[in-house]
Amino acid sequence: MAYAVNPNICQGCGVCAKTCPTGAIKVEDGKAIIDQTLCNQCGACVTVCPYGAPYFETFPRFRDQSRSKRGMAKGLL
């Protein structure tokens, strides 16, 4: 479980980065990115974003697609 930013919604305005008390959010290439090692899970970014780009990801997406496909084949996902 972690906070994430939807890159399709993020406009790179930087409001979330300015609000983050731990400095976990940076805007790179016009999109906000959350450094999970610095994030304290306070949710301030979600409350201030005018576009609704940050969200709480309860089930992080698989980074390894082959793992995801194996789980689906076995009926685990």
Foldseek 3Di string as FASTA:
>chain_A
DAKFFAQVQQQLPCPLCVQQPQNQWDQDPRGIGGNRVRHPPPCPSCVPDPRNGIDGDPDDDDPDVVVVVVCVVVVND
